[in-house]
Amino acid sequence: TTFSGILVDMAHEIERRTGCKFVLHLAPSEKWNDMVALVGSGSSKFDLLLGDVVITGERLKLADFTEPFHITTLTFLFHKPEPANSWWSFLHPFSGGLWLLLLSTLLAAGQLFWLFEHHQ
């Protein structure tokens, strides 16, 4: 199998600069966590993992990572809902239970203020 791409070019440059020789293989698993665990164990035939691997806390426990050399600005795109044009649209940010909690807190605070003002 012939490999090509920026990561392969980087591996060849590392070989040239360090004198090490890499043998490139396709990933035996499609799960990045499995691949990071294979490299991190030190007991497998894989010493290095090249790819767009996201650095997570769990993966940092298994292996060392280089600083990212390319940062991407991937985003999510979704349909923007139509704004609600009604008198009650201000209620939508909170659930009914939260509005009930806010109202009961307001009433309880009002009663406490009334008690403190009238019993002094």
PDB file of N, CA and C in Angstrom:
ATOM      1  N   THR A   1       0.854  -1.182   0.000  1.00  0.00           N
ATOM      2  CA  THR A   1       0.000   0.000   0.000  1.00  0.00           C
ATOM      3  C   THR A   1       0.895   1.238   0.000  1.00  0.00           C
ATOM      4  N   THR A   2       0.564   2.183  -0.852  1.00  0.00           N
ATOM      5  CA  THR A   2       1.308   3.437  -0.921  1.00  0.00           C
ATOM      6  C   THR A   2       0.551   4.501  -0.163  1.00  0.00           C
ATOM      7  N   PHE A   3       1.239   5.175   0.747  1.00  0.00           N
ATOM      8  CA  PHE A   3       0.633   6.233   1.539  1.00  0.00           C
ATOM      9  C   PHE A   3       1.124   7.577   1.021  1.00  0.00           C
ATOM     10  N   SER A   4       0.252   8.573   1.102  1.00  0.00           N
ATOM     11  CA  SER A   4       0.652   9.927   0.711  1.00  0.00           C
ATOM     12  C   SER A   4      -0.120  10.926   1.548  1.00  0.00           C
ATOM     13  N   GLY A   5       0.380  12.147   1.599  1.00  0.00           N
ATOM     14  CA  GLY A   5      -0.291  13.201   2.346  1.00  0.00           C
ATOM     15  C   GLY A   5       0.691  13.921   3.247  1.00  0.00           C
ATOM     16  N   ILE A   6       0.208  14.952   3.895  1.00  0.00           N
ATOM     17  CA  ILE A   6       1.089  15.793   4.713  1.00  0.00           C
ATOM     18  C   ILE A   6       1.669  15.033   5.900  1.00  0.00           C
ATOM     19  N   LEU A   7       0.890  14.138   6.496  1.00  0.00           N
ATOM     20  CA  LEU A   7       1.401  13.380   7.638  1.00  0.00           C
ATOM     21  C   LEU A   7       2.485  12.398   7.206  1.00  0.00           C
ATOM     22  N   VAL A   8       2.322  11.803   6.041  1.00  0.00           N
ATOM     23  CA  VAL A   8       3.343  10.894   5.525  1.00  0.00           C
ATOM     24  C   VAL A   8       4.609  11.679   5.203  1.00  0.00           C
ATOM     25  N   ASP A   9       4.449  12.864   4.605  1.00  0.00           N
ATOM     26  CA  ASP A   9       5.617  13.717   4.324  1.00  0.00           C
ATOM     27  C   ASP A   9       6.334  14.097   5.618  1.00  0.00           C
ATOM     28  N   MET A  10       5.560  14.393   6.665  1.00  0.00           N
ATOM     29  CA  MET A  10       6.169  14.729   7.956  1.00  0.00           C
ATOM     30  C   MET A  10       6.915  13.529   8.520  1.00  0.00           C
ATOM     31  N   ALA A  11       6.349  12.332   8.402  1.00  0.00           N
ATOM     32  CA  ALA A  11       7.019  11.128   8.896  1.00  0.00           C
ATOM     33  C   ALA A  11       8.338  10.914   8.159  1.00  0.00           C
ATOM     34  N   HIS A  12       8.345  11.118   6.845  1.00  0.00           N
ATOM     35  CA  HIS A  12       9.583  10.969   6.073  1.00  0.00           C
ATOM     36  C   HIS A  12      10.623  12.016   6.484  1.00  0.00           C
ATOM     37  N   GLU A  13      10.168  13.230   6.783  1.00  0.00           N
ATOM     38  CA  GLU A  13      11.089  14.276   7.226  1.00  0.00           C
ATOM     39  C   GLU A  13      11.678  13.936   8.599  1.00  0.00           C
ATOM     40  N   ILE A  14      10.850  13.380   9.477  1.00  0.00           N
ATOM     41  CA  ILE A  14      11.344  12.947  10.792  1.00  0.00           C
ATOM     42  C   ILE A  14      12.373  11.831  10.612  1.00  0.00           C
ATOM     43  N   GLU A  15      12.087  10.899   9.687  1.00  0.00           N
ATOM     44  CA  GLU A  15      13.056   9.836   9.387  1.00  0.00           C
ATOM     45  C   GLU A  15      14.387  10.429   8.922  1.00  0.00           C
ATOM     46  N   ARG A  16      14.307  11.394   8.031  1.00  0.00           N
ATOM     47  CA  ARG A  16      15.521  12.004   7.475  1.00  0.00           C
ATOM     48  C   ARG A  16      16.325  12.713   8.561  1.00  0.00           C
ATOM     49  N   ARG A  17      15.631  13.434   9.445  1.00  0.00           N
ATOM     50  CA  ARG A  17      16.342  14.223  10.459  1.00  0.00           C
ATOM     51  C   ARG A  17      16.877  13.380  11.617  1.00  0.00           C
ATOM     52  N   THR A  18      16.179  12.312  11.955  1.00  0.00           N
ATOM     53  CA  THR A  18      16.577  11.524  13.131  1.00  0.00           C
ATOM     54  C   THR A  18      17.331  10.247  12.796  1.00  0.00           C
ATOM     55  N   GLY A  19      17.214   9.799  11.564  1.00  0.00           N
ATOM     56  CA  GLY A  19      17.851   8.535  11.207  1.00  0.00           C
ATOM     57  C   GLY A  19      17.004   7.329  11.558  1.00  0.00           C
ATOM     58  N   CYS A  20      15.837   7.547  12.125  1.00  0.00           N
ATOM     59  CA  CYS A  20      14.911   6.446  12.447  1.00  0.00           C
ATOM     60  C   CYS A  20      14.224   5.994  11.162  1.00  0.00           C
ATOM     61  N   LYS A  21      13.752   4.781  11.161  1.00  0.00           N
ATOM     62  CA  LYS A  21      13.019   4.257  10.014  1.00  0.00           C
ATOM     63  C   LYS A  21      11.629   3.854  10.463  1.00  0.00           C
ATOM     64  N   PHE A  22      10.601   4.381   9.804  1.00  0.00           N
ATOM     65  CA  PHE A  22       9.217   4.045  10.122  1.00  0.00           C
ATOM     66  C   PHE A  22       8.669   3.082   9.083  1.00  0.00           C
ATOM     67  N   VAL A  23       7.856   2.157   9.549  1.00  0.00           N
ATOM     68  CA  VAL A  23       7.084   1.291   8.664  1.00  0.00           C
ATOM     69  C   VAL A  23       5.630   1.691   8.864  1.00  0.00           C
ATOM     70  N   LEU A  24       5.020   2.187   7.813  1.00  0.00           N
ATOM     71  CA  LEU A  24       3.646   2.688   7.915  1.00  0.00           C
ATOM     72  C   LEU A  24       2.643   1.556   7.733  1.00  0.00           C
ATOM     73  N   HIS A  25       1.617   1.546   8.587  1.00  0.00           N
ATOM     74  CA  HIS A  25       0.555   0.543   8.533  1.00  0.00           C
ATOM     75  C   HIS A  25      -0.785   1.257   8.562  1.00  0.00           C
ATOM     76  N   LEU A  26      -1.783   0.624   7.988  1.00  0.00           N
ATOM     77  CA  LEU A  26      -3.145   1.118   8.165  1.00  0.00           C
ATOM     78  C   LEU A  26      -3.593   0.805   9.582  1.00  0.00           C
ATOM     79  N   ALA A  27      -4.454   1.623  10.114  1.00  0.00           N
ATOM     80  CA  ALA A  27      -4.941   1.426  11.482  1.00  0.00           C
ATOM     81  C   ALA A  27      -5.721   0.120  11.573  1.00  0.00           C
ATOM     82  N   PRO A  28      -5.398  -0.732  12.561  1.00  0.00           N
ATOM     83  CA  PRO A  28      -6.136  -1.986  12.721  1.00  0.00           C
ATOM     84  C   PRO A  28      -7.523  -1.780  13.321  1.00  0.00           C
ATOM     85  N   SER A  29      -7.791  -0.583  13.810  1.00  0.00           N
ATOM     86  CA  SER A  29      -9.085  -0.286  14.414  1.00  0.00           C
ATOM     87  C   SER A  29      -9.569   1.051  13.883  1.00  0.00           C
ATOM     88  N   GLU A  30     -10.867   1.230  13.844  1.00  0.00           N
ATOM     89  CA  GLU A  30     -11.427   2.503  13.406  1.00  0.00           C
ATOM     90  C   GLU A  30     -11.692   3.434  14.584  1.00  0.00           C
ATOM     91  N   LYS A  31     -11.412   2.981  15.785  1.00  0.00           N
ATOM     92  CA  LYS A  31     -11.670   3.788  16.977  1.00  0.00           C
ATOM     93  C   LYS A  31     -10.360   4.410  17.448  1.00  0.00           C
ATOM     94  N   TRP A  32     -10.353   5.755  17.570  1.00  0.00           N
ATOM     95  CA  TRP A  32      -9.136   6.447  17.974  1.00  0.00           C
ATOM     96  C   TRP A  32      -8.707   6.057  19.375  1.00  0.00           C
ATOM     97  N   ASN A  33      -9.649   5.849  20.282  1.00  0.00           N
ATOM     98  CA  ASN A  33      -9.277   5.459  21.653  1.00  0.00           C
ATOM     99  C   ASN A  33      -8.493   4.152  21.660  1.00  0.00           C
ATOM    100  N   ASP A  34      -8.905   3.200  20.799  1.00  0.00           N
ATOM    101  CA  ASP A  34      -8.184   1.926  20.717  1.00  0.00           C
ATOM    102  C   ASP A  34      -6.771   2.130  20.189  1.00  0.00           C
ATOM    103  N   MET A  35      -6.643   2.996  19.195  1.00  0.00           N
ATOM    104  CA  MET A  35      -5.327   3.245  18.609  1.00  0.00           C
ATOM    105  C   MET A  35      -4.404   3.948  19.603  1.00  0.00           C
ATOM    106  N   VAL A  36      -4.928   4.940  20.315  1.00  0.00           N
ATOM    107  CA  VAL A  36      -4.112   5.638  21.319  1.00  0.00           C
ATOM    108  C   VAL A  36      -3.676   4.662  22.406  1.00  0.00           C
ATOM    109  N   ALA A  37      -4.559   3.762  22.802  1.00  0.00           N
ATOM    110  CA  ALA A  37      -4.214   2.761  23.821  1.00  0.00           C
ATOM    111  C   ALA A  37      -3.122   1.818  23.316  1.00  0.00           C
ATOM    112  N   LEU A  38      -3.172   1.443  22.020  1.00  0.00           N
ATOM    113  CA  LEU A  38      -2.127   0.576  21.458  1.00  0.00           C
ATOM    114  C   LEU A  38      -0.772   1.268  21.492  1.00  0.00           C
ATOM    115  N   VAL A  39      -0.724   2.523  21.093  1.00  0.00           N
ATOM    116  CA  VAL A  39       0.540   3.258  21.092  1.00  0.00           C
ATOM    117  C   VAL A  39       1.011   3.483  22.526  1.00  0.00           C
ATOM    118  N   GLY A  40       0.094   3.876  23.401  1.00  0.00           N
ATOM    119  CA  GLY A  40       0.441   4.184  24.782  1.00  0.00           C
ATOM    120  C   GLY A  40       0.901   2.991  25.584  1.00  0.00           C
ATOM    121  N   SER A  41       0.480   1.783  25.205  1.00  0.00           N
ATOM    122  CA  SER A  41       0.855   0.592  25.980  1.00  0.00           C
ATOM    123  C   SER A  41       2.343   0.278  25.852  1.00  0.00           C
ATOM    124  N   GLY A  42       2.933   0.650  24.729  1.00  0.00           N
ATOM    125  CA  GLY A  42       4.352   0.361  24.527  1.00  0.00           C
ATOM    126  C   GLY A  42       4.638  -1.085  24.209  1.00  0.00           C
ATOM    127  N   SER A  43       3.641  -1.937  24.248  1.00  0.00           N
ATOM    128  CA  SER A  43       3.863  -3.365  24.015  1.00  0.00           C
ATOM    129  C   SER A  43       3.398  -3.807  22.631  1.00  0.00           C
ATOM    130  N   SER A  44       2.890  -2.879  21.850  1.00  0.00           N
ATOM    131  CA  SER A  44       2.418  -3.258  20.524  1.00  0.00           C
ATOM    132  C   SER A  44       3.466  -2.913  19.482  1.00  0.00           C
ATOM    133  N   LYS A  45       3.192  -3.246  18.235  1.00  0.00           N
ATOM    134  CA  LYS A  45       4.131  -2.933  17.165  1.00  0.00           C
ATOM    135  C   LYS A  45       3.993  -1.490  16.695  1.00  0.00           C
ATOM    136  N   PHE A  46       3.109  -0.714  17.340  1.00  0.00           N
ATOM    137  CA  PHE A  46       2.882   0.676  16.942  1.00  0.00           C
ATOM    138  C   PHE A  46       3.576   1.612  17.927  1.00  0.00           C
ATOM    139  N   ASP A  47       4.497   2.411  17.410  1.00  0.00           N
ATOM    140  CA  ASP A  47       5.220   3.374  18.230  1.00  0.00           C
ATOM    141  C   ASP A  47       4.710   4.793  18.049  1.00  0.00           C
ATOM    142  N   LEU A  48       3.959   5.025  16.993  1.00  0.00           N
ATOM    143  CA  LEU A  48       3.581   6.375  16.617  1.00  0.00           C
ATOM    144  C   LEU A  48       2.220   6.337  15.938  1.00  0.00           C
ATOM    145  N   LEU A  49       1.422   7.338  16.201  1.00  0.00           N
ATOM    146  CA  LEU A  49       0.110   7.435  15.563  1.00  0.00           C
ATOM    147  C   LEU A  49       0.042   8.777  14.850  1.00  0.00           C
ATOM    148  N   LEU A  50      -0.218   8.740  13.553  1.00  0.00           N
ATOM    149  CA  LEU A  50      -0.360   9.952  12.761  1.00  0.00           C
ATOM    150  C   LEU A  50      -1.820  10.088  12.359  1.00  0.00           C
ATOM    151  N   GLY A  51      -2.416  11.226  12.667  1.00  0.00           N
ATOM    152  CA  GLY A  51      -3.803  11.433  12.275  1.00  0.00           C
ATOM    153  C   GLY A  51      -4.397  12.619  12.986  1.00  0.00           C
ATOM    154  N   ASP A  52      -5.628  12.877  12.682  1.00  0.00           N
ATOM    155  CA  ASP A  52      -6.331  14.014  13.293  1.00  0.00           C
ATOM    156  C   ASP A  52      -6.977  13.559  14.599  1.00  0.00           C
ATOM    157  N   VAL A  53      -6.145  13.307  15.589  1.00  0.00           N
ATOM    158  CA  VAL A  53      -6.581  12.792  16.880  1.00  0.00           C
ATOM    159  C   VAL A  53      -6.845  13.965  17.825  1.00  0.00           C
ATOM    160  N   VAL A  54      -8.020  13.991  18.406  1.00  0.00           N
ATOM    161  CA  VAL A  54      -8.362  15.026  19.385  1.00  0.00           C
ATOM    162  C   VAL A  54      -7.743  14.633  20.723  1.00  0.00           C
ATOM    163  N   ILE A  55      -7.079  15.588  21.358  1.00  0.00           N
ATOM    164  CA  ILE A  55      -6.440  15.329  22.650  1.00  0.00           C
ATOM    165  C   ILE A  55      -7.500  15.473  23.742  1.00  0.00           C
ATOM    166  N   THR A  56      -7.771  14.392  24.453  1.00  0.00           N
ATOM    167  CA  THR A  56      -8.723  14.422  25.561  1.00  0.00           C
ATOM    168  C   THR A  56      -7.997  14.034  26.845  1.00  0.00           C
ATOM    169  N   GLY A  57      -8.626  14.287  27.971  1.00  0.00           N
ATOM    170  CA  GLY A  57      -8.042  13.920  29.252  1.00  0.00           C
ATOM    171  C   GLY A  57      -7.797  12.426  29.366  1.00  0.00           C
ATOM    172  N   GLU A  58      -8.746  11.637  28.871  1.00  0.00           N
ATOM    173  CA  GLU A  58      -8.620  10.181  28.929  1.00  0.00           C
ATOM    174  C   GLU A  58      -7.434   9.713  28.084  1.00  0.00           C
ATOM    175  N   ARG A  59      -7.272  10.305  26.904  1.00  0.00           N
ATOM    176  CA  ARG A  59      -6.173   9.908  26.028  1.00  0.00           C
ATOM    177  C   ARG A  59      -4.821  10.387  26.561  1.00  0.00           C
ATOM    178  N   LEU A  60      -4.802  11.521  27.251  1.00  0.00           N
ATOM    179  CA  LEU A  60      -3.546  12.009  27.833  1.00  0.00           C
ATOM    180  C   LEU A  60      -3.011  11.060  28.895  1.00  0.00           C
ATOM    181  N   LYS A  61      -3.902  10.297  29.527  1.00  0.00           N
ATOM    182  CA  LYS A  61      -3.463   9.324  30.521  1.00  0.00           C
ATOM    183  C   LYS A  61      -2.759   8.133  29.869  1.00  0.00           C
ATOM    184  N   LEU A  62      -3.034   7.913  28.565  1.00  0.00           N
ATOM    185  CA  LEU A  62      -2.514   6.732  27.878  1.00  0.00           C
ATOM    186  C   LEU A  62      -1.238   6.987  27.087  1.00  0.00           C
ATOM    187  N   ALA A  63      -1.078   8.207  26.561  1.00  0.00           N
ATOM    188  CA  ALA A  63       0.054   8.475  25.676  1.00  0.00           C
ATOM    189  C   ALA A  63       0.429   9.943  25.724  1.00  0.00           C
ATOM    190  N   ASP A  64       1.623  10.258  25.215  1.00  0.00           N
ATOM    191  CA  ASP A  64       2.072  11.639  25.089  1.00  0.00           C
ATOM    192  C   ASP A  64       1.670  12.170  23.718  1.00  0.00           C
ATOM    193  N   PHE A  65       1.344  13.446  23.668  1.00  0.00           N
ATOM    194  CA  PHE A  65       0.945  14.094  22.425  1.00  0.00           C
ATOM    195  C   PHE A  65       1.888  15.251  22.131  1.00  0.00           C
ATOM    196  N   THR A  66       2.087  15.535  20.852  1.00  0.00           N
ATOM    197  CA  THR A  66       2.799  16.744  20.467  1.00  0.00           C
ATOM    198  C   THR A  66       1.817  17.910  20.532  1.00  0.00           C
ATOM    199  N   GLU A  67       2.346  19.111  20.432  1.00  0.00           N
ATOM    200  CA  GLU A  67       1.468  20.265  20.294  1.00  0.00           C
ATOM    201  C   GLU A  67       0.786  20.173  18.934  1.00  0.00           C
ATOM    202  N   PRO A  68      -0.485  20.519  18.838  1.00  0.00           N
ATOM    203  CA  PRO A  68      -1.154  20.474  17.532  1.00  0.00           C
ATOM    204  C   PRO A  68      -0.437  21.401  16.540  1.00  0.00           C
ATOM    205  N   PHE A  69      -0.182  20.911  15.337  1.00  0.00           N
ATOM    206  CA  PHE A  69       0.494  21.731  14.333  1.00  0.00           C
ATOM    207  C   PHE A  69      -0.501  22.355  13.362  1.00  0.00           C
ATOM    208  N   HIS A  70      -1.763  21.947  13.467  1.00  0.00           N
ATOM    209  CA  HIS A  70      -2.794  22.524  12.608  1.00  0.00           C
ATOM    210  C   HIS A  70      -4.075  22.615  13.416  1.00  0.00           C
ATOM    211  N   ILE A  71      -4.627  23.798  13.494  1.00  0.00           N
ATOM    212  CA  ILE A  71      -5.884  24.006  14.219  1.00  0.00           C
ATOM    213  C   ILE A  71      -6.965  24.276  13.182  1.00  0.00           C
ATOM    214  N   THR A  72      -8.042  23.583  13.296  1.00  0.00           N
ATOM    215  CA  THR A  72      -9.138  23.776  12.351  1.00  0.00           C
ATOM    216  C   THR A  72     -10.283  24.501  13.028  1.00  0.00           C
ATOM    217  N   THR A  73     -11.098  25.123  12.249  1.00  0.00           N
ATOM    218  CA  THR A  73     -12.249  25.853  12.786  1.00  0.00           C
ATOM    219  C   THR A  73     -13.535  25.182  12.323  1.00  0.00           C
ATOM    220  N   LEU A  74     -13.643  23.903  12.608  1.00  0.00           N
ATOM    221  CA  LEU A  74     -14.860  23.187  12.258  1.00  0.00           C
ATOM    222  C   LEU A  74     -16.024  23.742  13.063  1.00  0.00           C
ATOM    223  N   THR A  75     -17.153  23.864  12.429  1.00  0.00           N
ATOM    224  CA  THR A  75     -18.336  24.383  13.102  1.00  0.00           C
ATOM    225  C   THR A  75     -19.541  23.525  12.754  1.00  0.00           C
ATOM    226  N   PHE A  76     -20.603  23.721  13.503  1.00  0.00           N
ATOM    227  CA  PHE A  76     -21.872  23.084  13.212  1.00  0.00           C
ATOM    228  C   PHE A  76     -22.773  24.096  12.544  1.00  0.00           C
ATOM    229  N   LEU A  77     -23.540  23.658  11.589  1.00  0.00           N
ATOM    230  CA  LEU A  77     -24.491  24.509  10.893  1.00  0.00           C
ATOM    231  C   LEU A  77     -25.854  23.850  11.015  1.00  0.00           C
ATOM    232  N   PHE A  78     -26.843  24.615  11.437  1.00  0.00           N
ATOM    233  CA  PHE A  78     -28.177  24.044  11.575  1.00  0.00           C
ATOM    234  C   PHE A  78     -29.215  25.089  11.214  1.00  0.00           C
ATOM    235  N   HIS A  79     -30.419  24.633  10.989  1.00  0.00           N
ATOM    236  CA  HIS A  79     -31.526  25.507  10.610  1.00  0.00           C
ATOM    237  C   HIS A  79     -31.901  26.413  11.779  1.00  0.00           C
ATOM    238  N   LYS A  80     -31.979  27.696  11.515  1.00  0.00           N
ATOM    239  CA  LYS A  80     -32.366  28.651  12.548  1.00  0.00           C
ATOM    240  C   LYS A  80     -33.889  28.708  12.596  1.00  0.00           C
ATOM    241  N   PRO A  81     -34.477  28.417  13.758  1.00  0.00           N
ATOM    242  CA  PRO A  81     -35.945  28.428  13.822  1.00  0.00           C
ATOM    243  C   PRO A  81     -36.492  29.840  13.683  1.00  0.00           C
ATOM    244  N   GLU A  82     -37.698  29.905  13.179  1.00  0.00           N
ATOM    245  CA  GLU A  82     -38.369  31.194  13.037  1.00  0.00           C
ATOM    246  C   GLU A  82     -38.670  31.757  14.428  1.00  0.00           C
ATOM    247  N   PRO A  83     -38.471  33.068  14.623  1.00  0.00           N
ATOM    248  CA  PRO A  83     -38.773  33.647  15.932  1.00  0.00           C
ATOM    249  C   PRO A  83     -40.268  33.615  16.221  1.00  0.00           C
ATOM    250  N   ALA A  84     -40.592  33.373  17.470  1.00  0.00           N
ATOM    251  CA  ALA A  84     -41.999  33.335  17.881  1.00  0.00           C
ATOM    252  C   ALA A  84     -42.493  34.770  18.086  1.00  0.00           C
ATOM    253  N   ASN A  85     -43.548  35.118  17.404  1.00  0.00           N
ATOM    254  CA  ASN A  85     -44.114  36.459  17.513  1.00  0.00           C
ATOM    255  C   ASN A  85     -45.417  36.408  18.293  1.00  0.00           C
ATOM    256  N   SER A  86     -45.311  36.188  19.574  1.00  0.00           N
ATOM    257  CA  SER A  86     -46.510  36.178  20.401  1.00  0.00           C
ATOM    258  C   SER A  86     -46.227  36.941  21.690  1.00  0.00           C
ATOM    259  N   TRP A  87     -47.294  37.250  22.402  1.00  0.00           N
ATOM    260  CA  TRP A  87     -47.153  37.959  23.666  1.00  0.00           C
ATOM    261  C   TRP A  87     -46.442  37.103  24.714  1.00  0.00           C
ATOM    262  N   TRP A  88     -46.478  35.806  24.574  1.00  0.00           N
ATOM    263  CA  TRP A  88     -45.915  34.917  25.581  1.00  0.00           C
ATOM    264  C   TRP A  88     -44.538  34.390  25.198  1.00  0.00           C
ATOM    265  N   SER A  89     -43.927  34.931  24.158  1.00  0.00           N
ATOM    266  CA  SER A  89     -42.624  34.409  23.716  1.00  0.00           C
ATOM    267  C   SER A  89     -41.522  34.630  24.750  1.00  0.00           C
ATOM    268  N   PHE A  90     -41.686  35.588  25.664  1.00  0.00           N
ATOM    269  CA  PHE A  90     -40.664  35.806  26.695  1.00  0.00           C
ATOM    270  C   PHE A  90     -40.577  34.631  27.667  1.00  0.00           C
ATOM    271  N   LEU A  91     -41.584  33.771  27.697  1.00  0.00           N
ATOM    272  CA  LEU A  91     -41.579  32.616  28.593  1.00  0.00           C
ATOM    273  C   LEU A  91     -40.737  31.455  28.056  1.00  0.00           C
ATOM    274  N   HIS A  92     -40.412  31.471  26.768  1.00  0.00           N
ATOM    275  CA  HIS A  92     -39.744  30.322  26.144  1.00  0.00           C
ATOM    276  C   HIS A  92     -38.340  30.020  26.659  1.00  0.00           C
ATOM    277  N   PRO A  93     -37.544  30.996  27.105  1.00  0.00           N
ATOM    278  CA  PRO A  93     -36.196  30.628  27.551  1.00  0.00           C
ATOM    279  C   PRO A  93     -36.165  29.670  28.742  1.00  0.00           C
ATOM    280  N   PHE A  94     -37.188  29.692  29.595  1.00  0.00           N
ATOM    281  CA  PHE A  94     -37.201  28.823  30.773  1.00  0.00           C
ATOM    282  C   PHE A  94     -38.331  27.815  30.687  1.00  0.00           C
ATOM    283  N   SER A  95     -38.131  26.684  31.345  1.00  0.00           N
ATOM    284  CA  SER A  95     -39.179  25.659  31.394  1.00  0.00           C
ATOM    285  C   SER A  95     -40.265  26.092  32.376  1.00  0.00           C
ATOM    286  N   GLY A  96     -41.390  25.429  32.316  1.00  0.00           N
ATOM    287  CA  GLY A  96     -42.497  25.735  33.220  1.00  0.00           C
ATOM    288  C   GLY A  96     -42.118  25.552  34.676  1.00  0.00           C
ATOM    289  N   GLY A  97     -41.367  24.497  34.965  1.00  0.00           N
ATOM    290  CA  GLY A  97     -40.932  24.248  36.336  1.00  0.00           C
ATOM    291  C   GLY A  97     -40.028  25.344  36.870  1.00  0.00           C
ATOM    292  N   LEU A  98     -39.158  25.869  36.015  1.00  0.00           N
ATOM    293  CA  LEU A  98     -38.277  26.949  36.452  1.00  0.00           C
ATOM    294  C   LEU A  98     -39.062  28.235  36.683  1.00  0.00           C
ATOM    295  N   TRP A  99     -40.042  28.523  35.828  1.00  0.00           N
ATOM    296  CA  TRP A  99     -40.888  29.712  36.044  1.00  0.00           C
ATOM    297  C   TRP A  99     -41.646  29.586  37.364  1.00  0.00           C
ATOM    298  N   LEU A 100     -42.129  28.374  37.664  1.00  0.00           N
ATOM    299  CA  LEU A 100     -42.838  28.140  38.916  1.00  0.00           C
ATOM    300  C   LEU A 100     -41.903  28.350  40.111  1.00  0.00           C
ATOM    301  N   LEU A 101     -40.677  27.884  40.011  1.00  0.00           N
ATOM    302  CA  LEU A 101     -39.693  28.086  41.068  1.00  0.00           C
ATOM    303  C   LEU A 101     -39.394  29.576  41.253  1.00  0.00           C
ATOM    304  N   LEU A 102     -39.211  30.304  40.160  1.00  0.00           N
ATOM    305  CA  LEU A 102     -38.960  31.743  40.248  1.00  0.00           C
ATOM    306  C   LEU A 102     -40.130  32.474  40.907  1.00  0.00           C
ATOM    307  N   LEU A 103     -41.347  32.120  40.514  1.00  0.00           N
ATOM    308  CA  LEU A 103     -42.531  32.755  41.086  1.00  0.00           C
ATOM    309  C   LEU A 103     -42.661  32.450  42.572  1.00  0.00           C
ATOM    310  N   SER A 104     -42.434  31.190  42.958  1.00  0.00           N
ATOM    311  CA  SER A 104     -42.545  30.842  44.382  1.00  0.00           C
ATOM    312  C   SER A 104     -41.434  31.511  45.193  1.00  0.00           C
ATOM    313  N   THR A 105     -40.229  31.641  44.635  1.00  0.00           N
ATOM    314  CA  THR A 105     -39.148  32.347  45.321  1.00  0.00           C
ATOM    315  C   THR A 105     -39.494  33.811  45.510  1.00  0.00           C
ATOM    316  N   LEU A 106     -40.062  34.418  44.476  1.00  0.00           N
ATOM    317  CA  LEU A 106     -40.471  35.820  44.560  1.00  0.00           C
ATOM    318  C   LEU A 106     -41.546  36.012  45.629  1.00  0.00           C
ATOM    319  N   LEU A 107     -42.540  35.125  45.666  1.00  0.00           N
ATOM    320  CA  LEU A 107     -43.603  35.232  46.671  1.00  0.00           C
ATOM    321  C   LEU A 107     -43.058  35.020  48.086  1.00  0.00           C
ATOM    322  N   ALA A 108     -42.160  34.046  48.252  1.00  0.00           N
ATOM    323  CA  ALA A 108     -41.589  33.794  49.573  1.00  0.00           C
ATOM    324  C   ALA A 108     -40.739  34.975  50.027  1.00  0.00           C
ATOM    325  N   ALA A 109     -39.954  35.548  49.125  1.00  0.00           N
ATOM    326  CA  ALA A 109     -39.148  36.714  49.481  1.00  0.00           C
ATOM    327  C   ALA A 109     -40.050  37.899  49.826  1.00  0.00           C
ATOM    328  N   GLY A 110     -41.140  38.080  49.085  1.00  0.00           N
ATOM    329  CA  GLY A 110     -42.087  39.160  49.378  1.00  0.00           C
ATOM    330  C   GLY A 110     -42.712  39.006  50.752  1.00  0.00           C
ATOM    331  N   GLN A 111     -43.091  37.780  51.104  1.00  0.00           N
ATOM    332  CA  GLN A 111     -43.670  37.533  52.427  1.00  0.00           C
ATOM    333  C   GLN A 111     -42.649  37.800  53.530  1.00  0.00           C
ATOM    334  N   LEU A 112     -41.400  37.404  53.321  1.00  0.00           N
ATOM    335  CA  LEU A 112     -40.366  37.663  54.325  1.00  0.00           C
ATOM    336  C   LEU A 112     -40.151  39.166  54.511  1.00  0.00           C
ATOM    337  N   PHE A 113     -40.088  39.912  53.428  1.00  0.00           N
ATOM    338  CA  PHE A 113     -39.936  41.366  53.531  1.00  0.00           C
ATOM    339  C   PHE A 113     -41.119  41.983  54.269  1.00  0.00           C
ATOM    340  N   TRP A 114     -42.327  41.515  53.958  1.00  0.00           N
ATOM    341  CA  TRP A 114     -43.520  42.051  54.612  1.00  0.00           C
ATOM    342  C   TRP A 114     -43.465  41.770  56.116  1.00  0.00           C
ATOM    343  N   LEU A 115     -43.057  40.525  56.476  1.00  0.00           N
ATOM    344  CA  LEU A 115     -42.962  40.175  57.897  1.00  0.00           C
ATOM    345  C   LEU A 115     -41.934  41.036  58.619  1.00  0.00           C
ATOM    346  N   PHE A 116     -40.765  41.216  58.038  1.00  0.00           N
ATOM    347  CA  PHE A 116     -39.709  42.003  58.668  1.00  0.00           C
ATOM    348  C   PHE A 116     -40.114  43.474  58.815  1.00  0.00           C
ATOM    349  N   GLU A 117     -40.831  44.004  57.843  1.00  0.00           N
ATOM    350  CA  GLU A 117     -41.237  45.417  57.890  1.00  0.00           C
ATOM    351  C   GLU A 117     -42.347  45.662  58.906  1.00  0.00           C
ATOM    352  N   HIS A 118     -43.261  44.726  59.073  1.00  0.00           N
ATOM    353  CA  HIS A 118     -44.421  44.940  59.933  1.00  0.00           C
ATOM    354  C   HIS A 118     -44.210  44.481  61.365  1.00  0.00           C
ATOM    355  N   HIS A 119     -43.131  43.799  61.664  1.00  0.00           N
ATOM    356  CA  HIS A 119     -42.908  43.316  63.020  1.00  0.00           C
ATOM    357  C   HIS A 119     -41.735  44.010  63.692  1.00  0.00           C
ATOM    358  N   GLN A 120     -41.422  45.219  63.271  1.00  0.00           N
ATOM    359  CA  GLN A 120     -40.332  45.939  63.916  1.00  0.00           C
ATOM    360  C   GLN A 120     -40.828  47.165  64.621  1.00  0.00           C
TER     361      GLN A 120
END
